[in-house]
Every structure is written in C-alpha cells, then in structure tokens.
C-alpha cells in the first residue's frame, strides 16, 4: 500500500534534520494514503525525534506528490 523511509543525520550539526522518502501504490492513489503517511512522519519528527527541519524531494512531474505536500502546507 505505502512505505515511508526515514533518515536522520548522525552528524551533530545536522541531527535536527530528517529526510523522508515515501511511495504509495497506484492502487491507493487519490485516497489520502500519502497525506496520512506524511502527516504521521511529520508528527514523529516534530514530537518524538527533536527534528526541526524535514527534507522531502518530489519530482516536478509527480502531481499526486505535489498535491500531497501542498495539502499539508509544505
């Protein structure tokens, strides 16, 4: 259905930074799965991992991913 990959920098100067990668199966596009997954990752980062910066790369032609990030005001 979906997967999220989390990477937090071990370097002291970047320990507050996390990189998130995620993917949602096409069978579940348009059902809010990506938004729920990304919101859960943000909650984990902010409330449990002391992360103050989250990095997420999105391909320019990936409209579902762009919509997902815009819905969460990223």
PDB file of N, CA and C in Angstrom:
ATOM      1  N   UNK A   1       0.821  -1.172   0.000  1.00  0.00           N
ATOM      2  CA  UNK A   1       0.000   0.000   0.000  1.00  0.00           C
ATOM      3  C   UNK A   1       0.876   1.251   0.000  1.00  0.00           C
ATOM      4  N   UNK A   2       1.747   1.430   1.015  1.00  0.00           N
ATOM      5  CA  UNK A   2       2.594   2.622   1.099  1.00  0.00           C
ATOM      6  C   UNK A   2       3.820   2.319   1.938  1.00  0.00           C
ATOM      7  N   UNK A   3       4.856   3.125   1.734  1.00  0.00           N
ATOM      8  CA  UNK A   3       6.081   2.970   2.507  1.00  0.00           C
ATOM      9  C   UNK A   3       6.674   4.351   2.753  1.00  0.00           C
ATOM     10  N   UNK A   4       7.272   4.501   3.900  1.00  0.00           N
ATOM     11  CA  UNK A   4       7.985   5.736   4.224  1.00  0.00           C
ATOM     12  C   UNK A   4       9.375   5.356   4.697  1.00  0.00           C
ATOM     13  N   UNK A   5      10.370   6.058   4.187  1.00  0.00           N
ATOM     14  CA  UNK A   5      11.750   5.815   4.585  1.00  0.00           C
ATOM     15  C   UNK A   5      12.236   7.051   5.319  1.00  0.00           C
ATOM     16  N   UNK A   6      12.842   6.826   6.441  1.00  0.00           N
ATOM     17  CA  UNK A   6      13.266   7.909   7.313  1.00  0.00           C
ATOM     18  C   UNK A   6      14.768   7.863   7.468  1.00  0.00           C
ATOM     19  N   UNK A   7      15.418   8.990   7.345  1.00  0.00           N
ATOM     20  CA  UNK A   7      16.855   9.056   7.574  1.00  0.00           C
ATOM     21  C   UNK A   7      17.150  10.322   8.363  1.00  0.00           C
ATOM     22  N   UNK A   8      17.720  10.144   9.542  1.00  0.00           N
ATOM     23  CA  UNK A   8      18.105  11.286  10.357  1.00  0.00           C
ATOM     24  C   UNK A   8      19.622  11.337  10.398  1.00  0.00           C
ATOM     25  N   UNK A   9      20.166  12.513  10.200  1.00  0.00           N
ATOM     26  CA  UNK A   9      21.612  12.674  10.127  1.00  0.00           C
ATOM     27  C   UNK A   9      22.274  12.346  11.461  1.00  0.00           C
ATOM     28  N   UNK A  10      23.344  11.536  11.441  1.00  0.00           N
ATOM     29  CA  UNK A  10      24.075  11.251  12.674  1.00  0.00           C
ATOM     30  C   UNK A  10      25.026  12.387  13.057  1.00  0.00           C
ATOM     31  N   UNK A  11      25.323  13.273  12.121  1.00  0.00           N
ATOM     32  CA  UNK A  11      26.230  14.386  12.397  1.00  0.00           C
ATOM     33  C   UNK A  11      25.590  15.346  13.394  1.00  0.00           C
ATOM     34  N   UNK A  12      26.344  15.769  14.372  1.00  0.00           N
ATOM     35  CA  UNK A  12      25.820  16.641  15.421  1.00  0.00           C
ATOM     36  C   UNK A  12      25.207  17.912  14.832  1.00  0.00           C
ATOM     37  N   UNK A  13      25.861  18.501  13.848  1.00  0.00           N
ATOM     38  CA  UNK A  13      25.372  19.757  13.269  1.00  0.00           C
ATOM     39  C   UNK A  13      24.093  19.585  12.470  1.00  0.00           C
ATOM     40  N   UNK A  14      23.776  18.353  12.045  1.00  0.00           N
ATOM     41  CA  UNK A  14      22.569  18.111  11.241  1.00  0.00           C
ATOM     42  C   UNK A  14      21.607  17.134  11.909  1.00  0.00           C
ATOM     43  N   UNK A  15      21.779  16.917  13.193  1.00  0.00           N
ATOM     44  CA  UNK A  15      20.918  15.965  13.899  1.00  0.00           C
ATOM     45  C   UNK A  15      19.458  16.416  13.917  1.00  0.00           C
ATOM     46  N   UNK A  16      19.234  17.697  13.755  1.00  0.00           N
ATOM     47  CA  UNK A  16      17.874  18.249  13.751  1.00  0.00           C
ATOM     48  C   UNK A  16      17.189  18.096  12.387  1.00  0.00           C
ATOM     49  N   UNK A  17      17.906  17.506  11.412  1.00  0.00           N
ATOM     50  CA  UNK A  17      17.401  17.372  10.041  1.00  0.00           C
ATOM     51  C   UNK A  17      17.043  15.917   9.749  1.00  0.00           C
ATOM     52  N   UNK A  18      15.900  15.708   9.135  1.00  0.00           N
ATOM     53  CA  UNK A  18      15.497  14.366   8.704  1.00  0.00           C
ATOM     54  C   UNK A  18      15.092  14.425   7.237  1.00  0.00           C
ATOM     55  N   UNK A  19      15.383  13.357   6.531  1.00  0.00           N
ATOM     56  CA  UNK A  19      14.987  13.228   5.137  1.00  0.00           C
ATOM     57  C   UNK A  19      13.937  12.127   5.043  1.00  0.00           C
ATOM     58  N   UNK A  20      12.844  12.424   4.388  1.00  0.00           N
ATOM     59  CA  UNK A  20      11.757  11.462   4.249  1.00  0.00           C
ATOM     60  C   UNK A  20      11.617  11.080   2.779  1.00  0.00           C
ATOM     61  N   UNK A  21      11.502   9.801   2.538  1.00  0.00           N
ATOM     62  CA  UNK A  21      11.168   9.292   1.219  1.00  0.00           C
ATOM     63  C   UNK A  21       9.915   8.446   1.370  1.00  0.00           C
ATOM     64  N   UNK A  22       9.038   8.506   0.426  1.00  0.00           N
ATOM     65  CA  UNK A  22       7.816   7.722   0.557  1.00  0.00           C
ATOM     66  C   UNK A  22       7.270   7.350  -0.811  1.00  0.00           C
ATOM     67  N   UNK A  23       6.440   6.347  -0.808  1.00  0.00           N
ATOM     68  CA  UNK A  23       5.791   5.912  -2.032  1.00  0.00           C
ATOM     69  C   UNK A  23       4.448   5.293  -1.713  1.00  0.00           C
ATOM     70  N   UNK A  24       3.522   5.453  -2.611  1.00  0.00           N
ATOM     71  CA  UNK A  24       2.178   4.897  -2.456  1.00  0.00           C
ATOM     72  C   UNK A  24       1.859   4.107  -3.719  1.00  0.00           C
ATOM     73  N   UNK A  25       1.351   2.915  -3.549  1.00  0.00           N
ATOM     74  CA  UNK A  25       0.942   2.083  -4.679  1.00  0.00           C
ATOM     75  C   UNK A  25      -0.149   2.789  -5.485  1.00  0.00           C
ATOM     76  N   UNK A  26      -0.074   2.665  -6.793  1.00  0.00           N
ATOM     77  CA  UNK A  26      -1.075   3.308  -7.658  1.00  0.00           C
ATOM     78  C   UNK A  26      -2.499   2.884  -7.315  1.00  0.00           C
ATOM     79  N   UNK A  27      -2.662   1.687  -6.774  1.00  0.00           N
ATOM     80  CA  UNK A  27      -3.995   1.216  -6.386  1.00  0.00           C
ATOM     81  C   UNK A  27      -4.625   2.098  -5.310  1.00  0.00           C
ATOM     82  N   UNK A  28      -3.794   2.854  -4.589  1.00  0.00           N
ATOM     83  CA  UNK A  28      -4.282   3.662  -3.476  1.00  0.00           C
ATOM     84  C   UNK A  28      -4.167   5.160  -3.735  1.00  0.00           C
ATOM     85  N   UNK A  29      -3.834   5.549  -4.967  1.00  0.00           N
ATOM     86  CA  UNK A  29      -3.775   6.970  -5.319  1.00  0.00           C
ATOM     87  C   UNK A  29      -5.140   7.607  -5.096  1.00  0.00           C
ATOM     88  N   UNK A  30      -5.128   8.848  -4.648  1.00  0.00           N
ATOM     89  CA  UNK A  30      -6.361   9.617  -4.505  1.00  0.00           C
ATOM     90  C   UNK A  30      -7.204   9.264  -3.305  1.00  0.00           C
ATOM     91  N   UNK A  31      -6.677   8.431  -2.402  1.00  0.00           N
ATOM     92  CA  UNK A  31      -7.443   8.020  -1.227  1.00  0.00           C
ATOM     93  C   UNK A  31      -6.919   8.648   0.061  1.00  0.00           C
ATOM     94  N   UNK A  32      -5.934   9.532  -0.053  1.00  0.00           N
ATOM     95  CA  UNK A  32      -5.400  10.204   1.132  1.00  0.00           C
ATOM     96  C   UNK A  32      -4.338   9.427   1.876  1.00  0.00           C
ATOM     97  N   UNK A  33      -3.911   8.301   1.328  1.00  0.00           N
ATOM     98  CA  UNK A  33      -2.912   7.465   1.997  1.00  0.00           C
ATOM     99  C   UNK A  33      -1.593   8.223   2.149  1.00  0.00           C
ATOM    100  N   UNK A  34      -1.161   8.893   1.093  1.00  0.00           N
ATOM    101  CA  UNK A  34       0.090   9.648   1.152  1.00  0.00           C
ATOM    102  C   UNK A  34       0.033  10.764   2.178  1.00  0.00           C
ATOM    103  N   UNK A  35      -1.082  11.452   2.246  1.00  0.00           N
ATOM    104  CA  UNK A  35      -1.241  12.540   3.216  1.00  0.00           C
ATOM    105  C   UNK A  35      -1.175  12.028   4.645  1.00  0.00           C
ATOM    106  N   UNK A  36      -1.835  10.906   4.900  1.00  0.00           N
ATOM    107  CA  UNK A  36      -1.808  10.313   6.245  1.00  0.00           C
ATOM    108  C   UNK A  36      -0.397   9.864   6.601  1.00  0.00           C
ATOM    109  N   UNK A  37       0.270   9.224   5.657  1.00  0.00           N
ATOM    110  CA  UNK A  37       1.633   8.747   5.886  1.00  0.00           C
ATOM    111  C   UNK A  37       2.581   9.912   6.151  1.00  0.00           C
ATOM    112  N   UNK A  38       2.497  10.955   5.345  1.00  0.00           N
ATOM    113  CA  UNK A  38       3.371  12.106   5.517  1.00  0.00           C
ATOM    114  C   UNK A  38       3.057  12.848   6.813  1.00  0.00           C
ATOM    115  N   UNK A  39       1.791  12.991   7.156  1.00  0.00           N
ATOM    116  CA  UNK A  39       1.412  13.645   8.411  1.00  0.00           C
ATOM    117  C   UNK A  39       1.942  12.868   9.613  1.00  0.00           C
ATOM    118  N   UNK A  40       1.892  11.547   9.553  1.00  0.00           N
ATOM    119  CA  UNK A  40       2.423  10.722  10.645  1.00  0.00           C
ATOM    120  C   UNK A  40       3.937  10.877  10.759  1.00  0.00           C
ATOM    121  N   UNK A  41       4.620  10.953   9.625  1.00  0.00           N
ATOM    122  CA  UNK A  41       6.073  11.140   9.643  1.00  0.00           C
ATOM    123  C   UNK A  41       6.434  12.501  10.222  1.00  0.00           C
ATOM    124  N   UNK A  42       5.679  13.529   9.869  1.00  0.00           N
ATOM    125  CA  UNK A  42       5.924  14.870  10.409  1.00  0.00           C
ATOM    126  C   UNK A  42       5.675  14.887  11.909  1.00  0.00           C
ATOM    127  N   UNK A  43       4.595  14.254  12.357  1.00  0.00           N
ATOM    128  CA  UNK A  43       4.303  14.173  13.791  1.00  0.00           C
ATOM    129  C   UNK A  43       5.431  13.473  14.537  1.00  0.00           C
ATOM    130  N   UNK A  44       5.906  12.373  14.003  1.00  0.00           N
ATOM    131  CA  UNK A  44       7.019  11.645  14.613  1.00  0.00           C
ATOM    132  C   UNK A  44       8.251  12.536  14.702  1.00  0.00           C
ATOM    133  N   UNK A  45       8.559  13.219  13.621  1.00  0.00           N
ATOM    134  CA  UNK A  45       9.745  14.075  13.577  1.00  0.00           C
ATOM    135  C   UNK A  45       9.671  15.198  14.604  1.00  0.00           C
ATOM    136  N   UNK A  46       8.551  15.893  14.629  1.00  0.00           N
ATOM    137  CA  UNK A  46       8.428  17.071  15.488  1.00  0.00           C
ATOM    138  C   UNK A  46       8.247  16.732  16.962  1.00  0.00           C
ATOM    139  N   UNK A  47       7.533  15.667  17.252  1.00  0.00           N
ATOM    140  CA  UNK A  47       7.175  15.385  18.642  1.00  0.00           C
ATOM    141  C   UNK A  47       8.006  14.321  19.332  1.00  0.00           C
ATOM    142  N   UNK A  48       8.746  13.521  18.566  1.00  0.00           N
ATOM    143  CA  UNK A  48       9.478  12.423  19.178  1.00  0.00           C
ATOM    144  C   UNK A  48      10.962  12.389  18.831  1.00  0.00           C
ATOM    145  N   UNK A  49      11.341  12.990  17.725  1.00  0.00           N
ATOM    146  CA  UNK A  49      12.724  12.864  17.260  1.00  0.00           C
ATOM    147  C   UNK A  49      13.516  14.170  17.349  1.00  0.00           C
ATOM    148  N   UNK A  50      12.935  15.223  17.888  1.00  0.00           N
ATOM    149  CA  UNK A  50      13.597  16.528  18.016  1.00  0.00           C
ATOM    150  C   UNK A  50      14.081  17.059  16.670  1.00  0.00           C
ATOM    151  N   UNK A  51      13.333  16.783  15.634  1.00  0.00           N
ATOM    152  CA  UNK A  51      13.672  17.260  14.295  1.00  0.00           C
ATOM    153  C   UNK A  51      12.974  18.601  14.073  1.00  0.00           C
ATOM    154  N   UNK A  52      13.719  19.571  13.588  1.00  0.00           N
ATOM    155  CA  UNK A  52      13.142  20.881  13.300  1.00  0.00           C
ATOM    156  C   UNK A  52      13.154  21.196  11.806  1.00  0.00           C
ATOM    157  N   UNK A  53      13.784  20.327  11.032  1.00  0.00           N
ATOM    158  CA  UNK A  53      13.809  20.509   9.570  1.00  0.00           C
ATOM    159  C   UNK A  53      13.586  19.159   8.903  1.00  0.00           C
ATOM    160  N   UNK A  54      12.629  19.113   7.997  1.00  0.00           N
ATOM    161  CA  UNK A  54      12.338  17.894   7.250  1.00  0.00           C
ATOM    162  C   UNK A  54      12.576  18.178   5.774  1.00  0.00           C
ATOM    163  N   UNK A  55      13.329  17.294   5.136  1.00  0.00           N
ATOM    164  CA  UNK A  55      13.606  17.433   3.712  1.00  0.00           C
ATOM    165  C   UNK A  55      12.868  16.338   2.949  1.00  0.00           C
ATOM    166  N   UNK A  56      12.232  16.731   1.865  1.00  0.00           N
ATOM    167  CA  UNK A  56      11.491  15.811   1.015  1.00  0.00           C
ATOM    168  C   UNK A  56      11.650  16.285  -0.420  1.00  0.00           C
ATOM    169  N   UNK A  57      12.143  15.418  -1.274  1.00  0.00           N
ATOM    170  CA  UNK A  57      12.280  15.761  -2.685  1.00  0.00           C
ATOM    171  C   UNK A  57      11.124  15.149  -3.466  1.00  0.00           C
ATOM    172  N   UNK A  58      10.597  15.934  -4.395  1.00  0.00           N
ATOM    173  CA  UNK A  58       9.489  15.485  -5.234  1.00  0.00           C
ATOM    174  C   UNK A  58       9.833  15.808  -6.684  1.00  0.00           C
ATOM    175  N   UNK A  59       9.659  14.837  -7.568  1.00  0.00           N
ATOM    176  CA  UNK A  59       9.871  15.095  -8.994  1.00  0.00           C
ATOM    177  C   UNK A  59       8.841  16.103  -9.490  1.00  0.00           C
ATOM    178  N   UNK A  60       9.261  16.994 -10.367  1.00  0.00           N
ATOM    179  CA  UNK A  60       8.401  18.073 -10.861  1.00  0.00           C
ATOM    180  C   UNK A  60       7.153  17.563 -11.574  1.00  0.00           C
ATOM    181  N   UNK A  61       7.208  16.353 -12.140  1.00  0.00           N
ATOM    182  CA  UNK A  61       6.045  15.822 -12.859  1.00  0.00           C
ATOM    183  C   UNK A  61       5.187  14.882 -12.009  1.00  0.00           C
ATOM    184  N   UNK A  62       5.465  14.786 -10.727  1.00  0.00           N
ATOM    185  CA  UNK A  62       4.708  13.907  -9.837  1.00  0.00           C
ATOM    186  C   UNK A  62       3.581  14.710  -9.177  1.00  0.00           C
ATOM    187  N   UNK A  63       2.520  14.941  -9.922  1.00  0.00           N
ATOM    188  CA  UNK A  63       1.416  15.769  -9.440  1.00  0.00           C
ATOM    189  C   UNK A  63       0.749  15.250  -8.163  1.00  0.00           C
ATOM    190  N   UNK A  64       0.538  13.939  -7.991  1.00  0.00           N
ATOM    191  CA  UNK A  64      -0.051  13.475  -6.729  1.00  0.00           C
ATOM    192  C   UNK A  64       0.816  13.822  -5.514  1.00  0.00           C
ATOM    193  N   UNK A  65       2.121  13.692  -5.643  1.00  0.00           N
ATOM    194  CA  UNK A  65       3.015  14.019  -4.526  1.00  0.00           C
ATOM    195  C   UNK A  65       3.024  15.516  -4.253  1.00  0.00           C
ATOM    196  N   UNK A  66       3.001  16.311  -5.303  1.00  0.00           N
ATOM    197  CA  UNK A  66       2.962  17.763  -5.130  1.00  0.00           C
ATOM    198  C   UNK A  66       1.673  18.171  -4.424  1.00  0.00           C
ATOM    199  N   UNK A  67       0.558  17.595  -4.832  1.00  0.00           N
ATOM    200  CA  UNK A  67      -0.725  17.889  -4.189  1.00  0.00           C
ATOM    201  C   UNK A  67      -0.705  17.484  -2.722  1.00  0.00           C
ATOM    202  N   UNK A  68      -0.088  16.354  -2.429  1.00  0.00           N
ATOM    203  CA  UNK A  68       0.006  15.869  -1.049  1.00  0.00           C
ATOM    204  C   UNK A  68       0.759  16.869  -0.179  1.00  0.00           C
ATOM    205  N   UNK A  69       1.895  17.351  -0.661  1.00  0.00           N
ATOM    206  CA  UNK A  69       2.680  18.302   0.131  1.00  0.00           C
ATOM    207  C   UNK A  69       1.967  19.646   0.244  1.00  0.00           C
ATOM    208  N   UNK A  70       1.285  20.056  -0.801  1.00  0.00           N
ATOM    209  CA  UNK A  70       0.544  21.316  -0.736  1.00  0.00           C
ATOM    210  C   UNK A  70      -0.614  21.224   0.250  1.00  0.00           C
ATOM    211  N   UNK A  71      -1.272  20.080   0.317  1.00  0.00           N
ATOM    212  CA  UNK A  71      -2.373  19.892   1.267  1.00  0.00           C
ATOM    213  C   UNK A  71      -1.901  19.997   2.707  1.00  0.00           C
ATOM    214  N   UNK A  72      -0.644  19.647   2.947  1.00  0.00           N
ATOM    215  CA  UNK A  72      -0.087  19.728   4.297  1.00  0.00           C
ATOM    216  C   UNK A  72       0.688  21.027   4.510  1.00  0.00           C
ATOM    217  N   UNK A  73       0.558  21.957   3.575  1.00  0.00           N
ATOM    218  CA  UNK A  73       1.206  23.277   3.650  1.00  0.00           C
ATOM    219  C   UNK A  73       2.720  23.173   3.755  1.00  0.00           C
ATOM    220  N   UNK A  74       3.301  22.269   2.973  1.00  0.00           N
ATOM    221  CA  UNK A  74       4.762  22.148   2.956  1.00  0.00           C
ATOM    222  C   UNK A  74       5.328  22.916   1.786  1.00  0.00           C
TER     223      UNK A  74
END
